[in-house]
Amino acid sequence: TQVDVYEYGEESIPAFDRESTVLAFPSADAVPFARLEAVEKVTTLVVLCCPWRQPAKLLALPQLQGIRHVKIGRIRGQSEYWRVGAHDAGHLSTIEALRCLLAEYVVAA
């Protein structure tokens, strides 16, 4: 297991391999890991960590173009983390979303 953290605007953000990389984002084209084709080939999960109103500038990065999107298949209720926000119970913190996605990946792969 390896974690790399990149800041927006860094030139060091790599060009990800489209076959083995998925982006965690609930776009219209996103599918849960259970429905992802060639899930066994996934080795890299990109997670955007930003406020809900600001993902557009991250999604526009050239390094993220053409990467398949995955989403959580089933959100298990309300967030377990306190935070100020104007969103419903289905909006999770980044760490909670990551936990859910990894659990679903283990089952699917």
C-alpha atoms as a PDB file:
ATOM      1  CA  THR A   1       0.000   0.000   0.000  1.00  0.00           C
ATOM      2  CA  GLN A   2       1.271   3.416  -0.929  1.00  0.00           C
ATOM      3  CA  VAL A   3      -0.210   6.883  -0.595  1.00  0.00           C
ATOM      4  CA  ASP A   4       0.950   9.880  -2.609  1.00  0.00           C
ATOM      5  CA  VAL A   5      -0.431  13.354  -1.921  1.00  0.00           C
ATOM      6  CA  TYR A   6      -0.382  16.118  -4.541  1.00  0.00           C
ATOM      7  CA  GLU A   7      -1.403  19.746  -4.215  1.00  0.00           C
ATOM      8  CA  TYR A   8      -3.540  21.366  -6.905  1.00  0.00           C
ATOM      9  CA  GLY A   9      -1.349  23.055  -9.466  1.00  0.00           C
ATOM     10  CA  GLU A  10       1.725  20.946  -8.826  1.00  0.00           C
ATOM     11  CA  GLU A  11       3.556  20.003 -11.980  1.00  0.00           C
ATOM     12  CA  SER A  12       4.538  16.738 -10.308  1.00  0.00           C
ATOM     13  CA  ILE A  13       1.042  15.247 -10.587  1.00  0.00           C
ATOM     14  CA  PRO A  14       1.694  12.196 -12.763  1.00  0.00           C
ATOM     15  CA  ALA A  15      -0.066  11.065 -15.889  1.00  0.00           C
ATOM     16  CA  PHE A  16      -2.014   8.090 -14.557  1.00  0.00           C
ATOM     17  CA  ASP A  17      -2.410   4.836 -16.470  1.00  0.00           C
ATOM     18  CA  ARG A  18      -6.048   4.711 -17.647  1.00  0.00           C
ATOM     19  CA  GLU A  19      -6.235   0.909 -17.528  1.00  0.00           C
ATOM     20  CA  SER A  20      -5.180   0.548 -13.903  1.00  0.00           C
ATOM     21  CA  THR A  21      -6.431   3.819 -12.388  1.00  0.00           C
ATOM     22  CA  VAL A  22      -9.890   4.859 -11.245  1.00  0.00           C
ATOM     23  CA  LEU A  23     -11.088   8.178  -9.865  1.00  0.00           C
ATOM     24  CA  ALA A  24     -13.415   8.252  -6.870  1.00  0.00           C
ATOM     25  CA  PHE A  25     -16.091  10.724  -7.930  1.00  0.00           C
ATOM     26  CA  PRO A  26     -19.885  10.285  -8.170  1.00  0.00           C
ATOM     27  CA  SER A  27     -20.249  11.575 -11.728  1.00  0.00           C
ATOM     28  CA  ALA A  28     -23.066  10.536 -14.055  1.00  0.00           C
ATOM     29  CA  ASP A  29     -20.757   7.883 -15.581  1.00  0.00           C
ATOM     30  CA  ALA A  30     -19.435   6.529 -12.269  1.00  0.00           C
ATOM     31  CA  VAL A  31     -20.118   2.902 -11.344  1.00  0.00           C
ATOM     32  CA  PRO A  32     -19.556   0.982  -8.113  1.00  0.00           C
ATOM     33  CA  PHE A  33     -16.603  -1.401  -8.018  1.00  0.00           C
ATOM     34  CA  ALA A  34     -19.076  -4.307  -8.217  1.00  0.00           C
ATOM     35  CA  ARG A  35     -20.021  -3.195 -11.765  1.00  0.00           C
ATOM     36  CA  LEU A  36     -16.584  -2.050 -12.937  1.00  0.00           C
ATOM     37  CA  GLU A  37     -15.121  -3.953 -15.874  1.00  0.00           C
ATOM     38  CA  ALA A  38     -11.620  -5.372 -15.294  1.00  0.00           C
ATOM     39  CA  VAL A  39     -11.708  -4.451 -11.614  1.00  0.00           C
ATOM     40  CA  GLU A  40      -8.864  -6.905 -11.009  1.00  0.00           C
ATOM     41  CA  LYS A  41      -6.553  -4.629 -13.021  1.00  0.00           C
ATOM     42  CA  VAL A  42      -7.140  -1.601 -10.781  1.00  0.00           C
ATOM     43  CA  THR A  43      -3.991  -0.688  -8.848  1.00  0.00           C
ATOM     44  CA  THR A  44      -4.484   3.053  -8.335  1.00  0.00           C
ATOM     45  CA  LEU A  45      -7.387   4.928  -6.754  1.00  0.00           C
ATOM     46  CA  VAL A  46      -7.349   8.720  -7.106  1.00  0.00           C
ATOM     47  CA  VAL A  47      -9.303  10.563  -4.416  1.00  0.00           C
ATOM     48  CA  LEU A  48     -10.103  14.262  -4.671  1.00  0.00           C
ATOM     49  CA  CYS A  49     -10.047  16.026  -1.327  1.00  0.00           C
ATOM     50  CA  CYS A  50     -11.808  19.358  -1.652  1.00  0.00           C
ATOM     51  CA  PRO A  51     -15.073  21.056  -0.652  1.00  0.00           C
ATOM     52  CA  TRP A  52     -18.137  19.771  -2.547  1.00  0.00           C
ATOM     53  CA  ARG A  53     -18.410  23.040  -4.479  1.00  0.00           C
ATOM     54  CA  GLN A  54     -14.853  22.893  -5.851  1.00  0.00           C
ATOM     55  CA  PRO A  55     -14.218  19.591  -7.672  1.00  0.00           C
ATOM     56  CA  ALA A  56     -14.632  21.076 -11.176  1.00  0.00           C
ATOM     57  CA  LYS A  57     -11.132  22.564 -11.275  1.00  0.00           C
ATOM     58  CA  LEU A  58      -9.617  19.265 -10.108  1.00  0.00           C
ATOM     59  CA  LEU A  59     -11.651  17.218 -12.587  1.00  0.00           C
ATOM     60  CA  ALA A  60     -10.382  19.492 -15.374  1.00  0.00           C
ATOM     61  CA  LEU A  61      -6.741  18.526 -14.765  1.00  0.00           C
ATOM     62  CA  PRO A  62      -5.274  16.930 -17.912  1.00  0.00           C
ATOM     63  CA  GLN A  63      -3.876  14.059 -15.809  1.00  0.00           C
ATOM     64  CA  LEU A  64      -7.407  12.991 -14.840  1.00  0.00           C
ATOM     65  CA  GLN A  65      -8.949  13.026 -18.312  1.00  0.00           C
ATOM     66  CA  GLY A  66     -10.161   9.642 -19.559  1.00  0.00           C
ATOM     67  CA  ILE A  67      -9.898   7.923 -16.182  1.00  0.00           C
ATOM     68  CA  ARG A  68     -12.909   5.814 -15.208  1.00  0.00           C
ATOM     69  CA  HIS A  69     -14.979   7.082 -12.286  1.00  0.00           C
ATOM     70  CA  VAL A  70     -16.110   4.896  -9.398  1.00  0.00           C
ATOM     71  CA  LYS A  71     -18.626   5.661  -6.691  1.00  0.00           C
ATOM     72  CA  ILE A  72     -19.764   4.082  -3.476  1.00  0.00           C
ATOM     73  CA  GLY A  73     -22.314   1.370  -4.218  1.00  0.00           C
ATOM     74  CA  ARG A  74     -24.207   1.752  -0.990  1.00  0.00           C
ATOM     75  CA  ILE A  75     -23.860   4.543   1.545  1.00  0.00           C
ATOM     76  CA  ARG A  76     -24.521   3.105   4.978  1.00  0.00           C
ATOM     77  CA  GLY A  77     -26.378   5.983   6.604  1.00  0.00           C
ATOM     78  CA  GLN A  78     -25.235   9.164   8.227  1.00  0.00           C
ATOM     79  CA  SER A  79     -21.666  10.383   8.513  1.00  0.00           C
ATOM     80  CA  GLU A  80     -19.899   9.326  11.696  1.00  0.00           C
ATOM     81  CA  TYR A  81     -17.764  12.476  11.730  1.00  0.00           C
ATOM     82  CA  TRP A  82     -18.943  15.810  13.059  1.00  0.00           C
ATOM     83  CA  ARG A  83     -18.492  18.696  10.721  1.00  0.00           C
ATOM     84  CA  VAL A  84     -20.295  21.860   9.763  1.00  0.00           C
ATOM     85  CA  GLY A  85     -22.008  21.505   6.439  1.00  0.00           C
ATOM     86  CA  ALA A  86     -25.240  22.030   4.588  1.00  0.00           C
ATOM     87  CA  HIS A  87     -25.467  18.537   3.098  1.00  0.00           C
ATOM     88  CA  ASP A  88     -27.716  15.606   3.827  1.00  0.00           C
ATOM     89  CA  ALA A  89     -26.693  12.439   5.680  1.00  0.00           C
ATOM     90  CA  GLY A  90     -25.445  10.792   2.472  1.00  0.00           C
ATOM     91  CA  HIS A  91     -22.494  13.167   2.145  1.00  0.00           C
ATOM     92  CA  LEU A  92     -19.459  11.539   3.717  1.00  0.00           C
ATOM     93  CA  SER A  93     -16.089  12.863   4.753  1.00  0.00           C
ATOM     94  CA  THR A  94     -13.183  11.963   2.460  1.00  0.00           C
ATOM     95  CA  ILE A  95     -11.843   9.361   4.886  1.00  0.00           C
ATOM     96  CA  GLU A  96     -15.265   7.715   5.250  1.00  0.00           C
ATOM     97  CA  ALA A  97     -15.705   7.577   1.479  1.00  0.00           C
ATOM     98  CA  LEU A  98     -12.258   6.034   1.121  1.00  0.00           C
ATOM     99  CA  ARG A  99     -13.089   3.394   3.740  1.00  0.00           C
ATOM    100  CA  CYS A 100     -16.333   2.495   1.933  1.00  0.00           C
ATOM    101  CA  LEU A 101     -14.664   2.375  -1.495  1.00  0.00           C
ATOM    102  CA  LEU A 102     -11.815   0.156  -0.311  1.00  0.00           C
ATOM    103  CA  ALA A 103     -14.235  -2.253   1.371  1.00  0.00           C
ATOM    104  CA  GLU A 104     -16.250  -2.506  -1.844  1.00  0.00           C
ATOM    105  CA  TYR A 105     -13.074  -2.973  -3.898  1.00  0.00           C
ATOM    106  CA  VAL A 106     -11.974  -5.909  -1.727  1.00  0.00           C
ATOM    107  CA  VAL A 107     -15.314  -7.651  -2.316  1.00  0.00           C
ATOM    108  CA  ALA A 108     -15.387  -6.906  -6.059  1.00  0.00           C
ATOM    109  CA  ALA A 109     -11.775  -7.849  -6.785  1.00  0.00           C
END
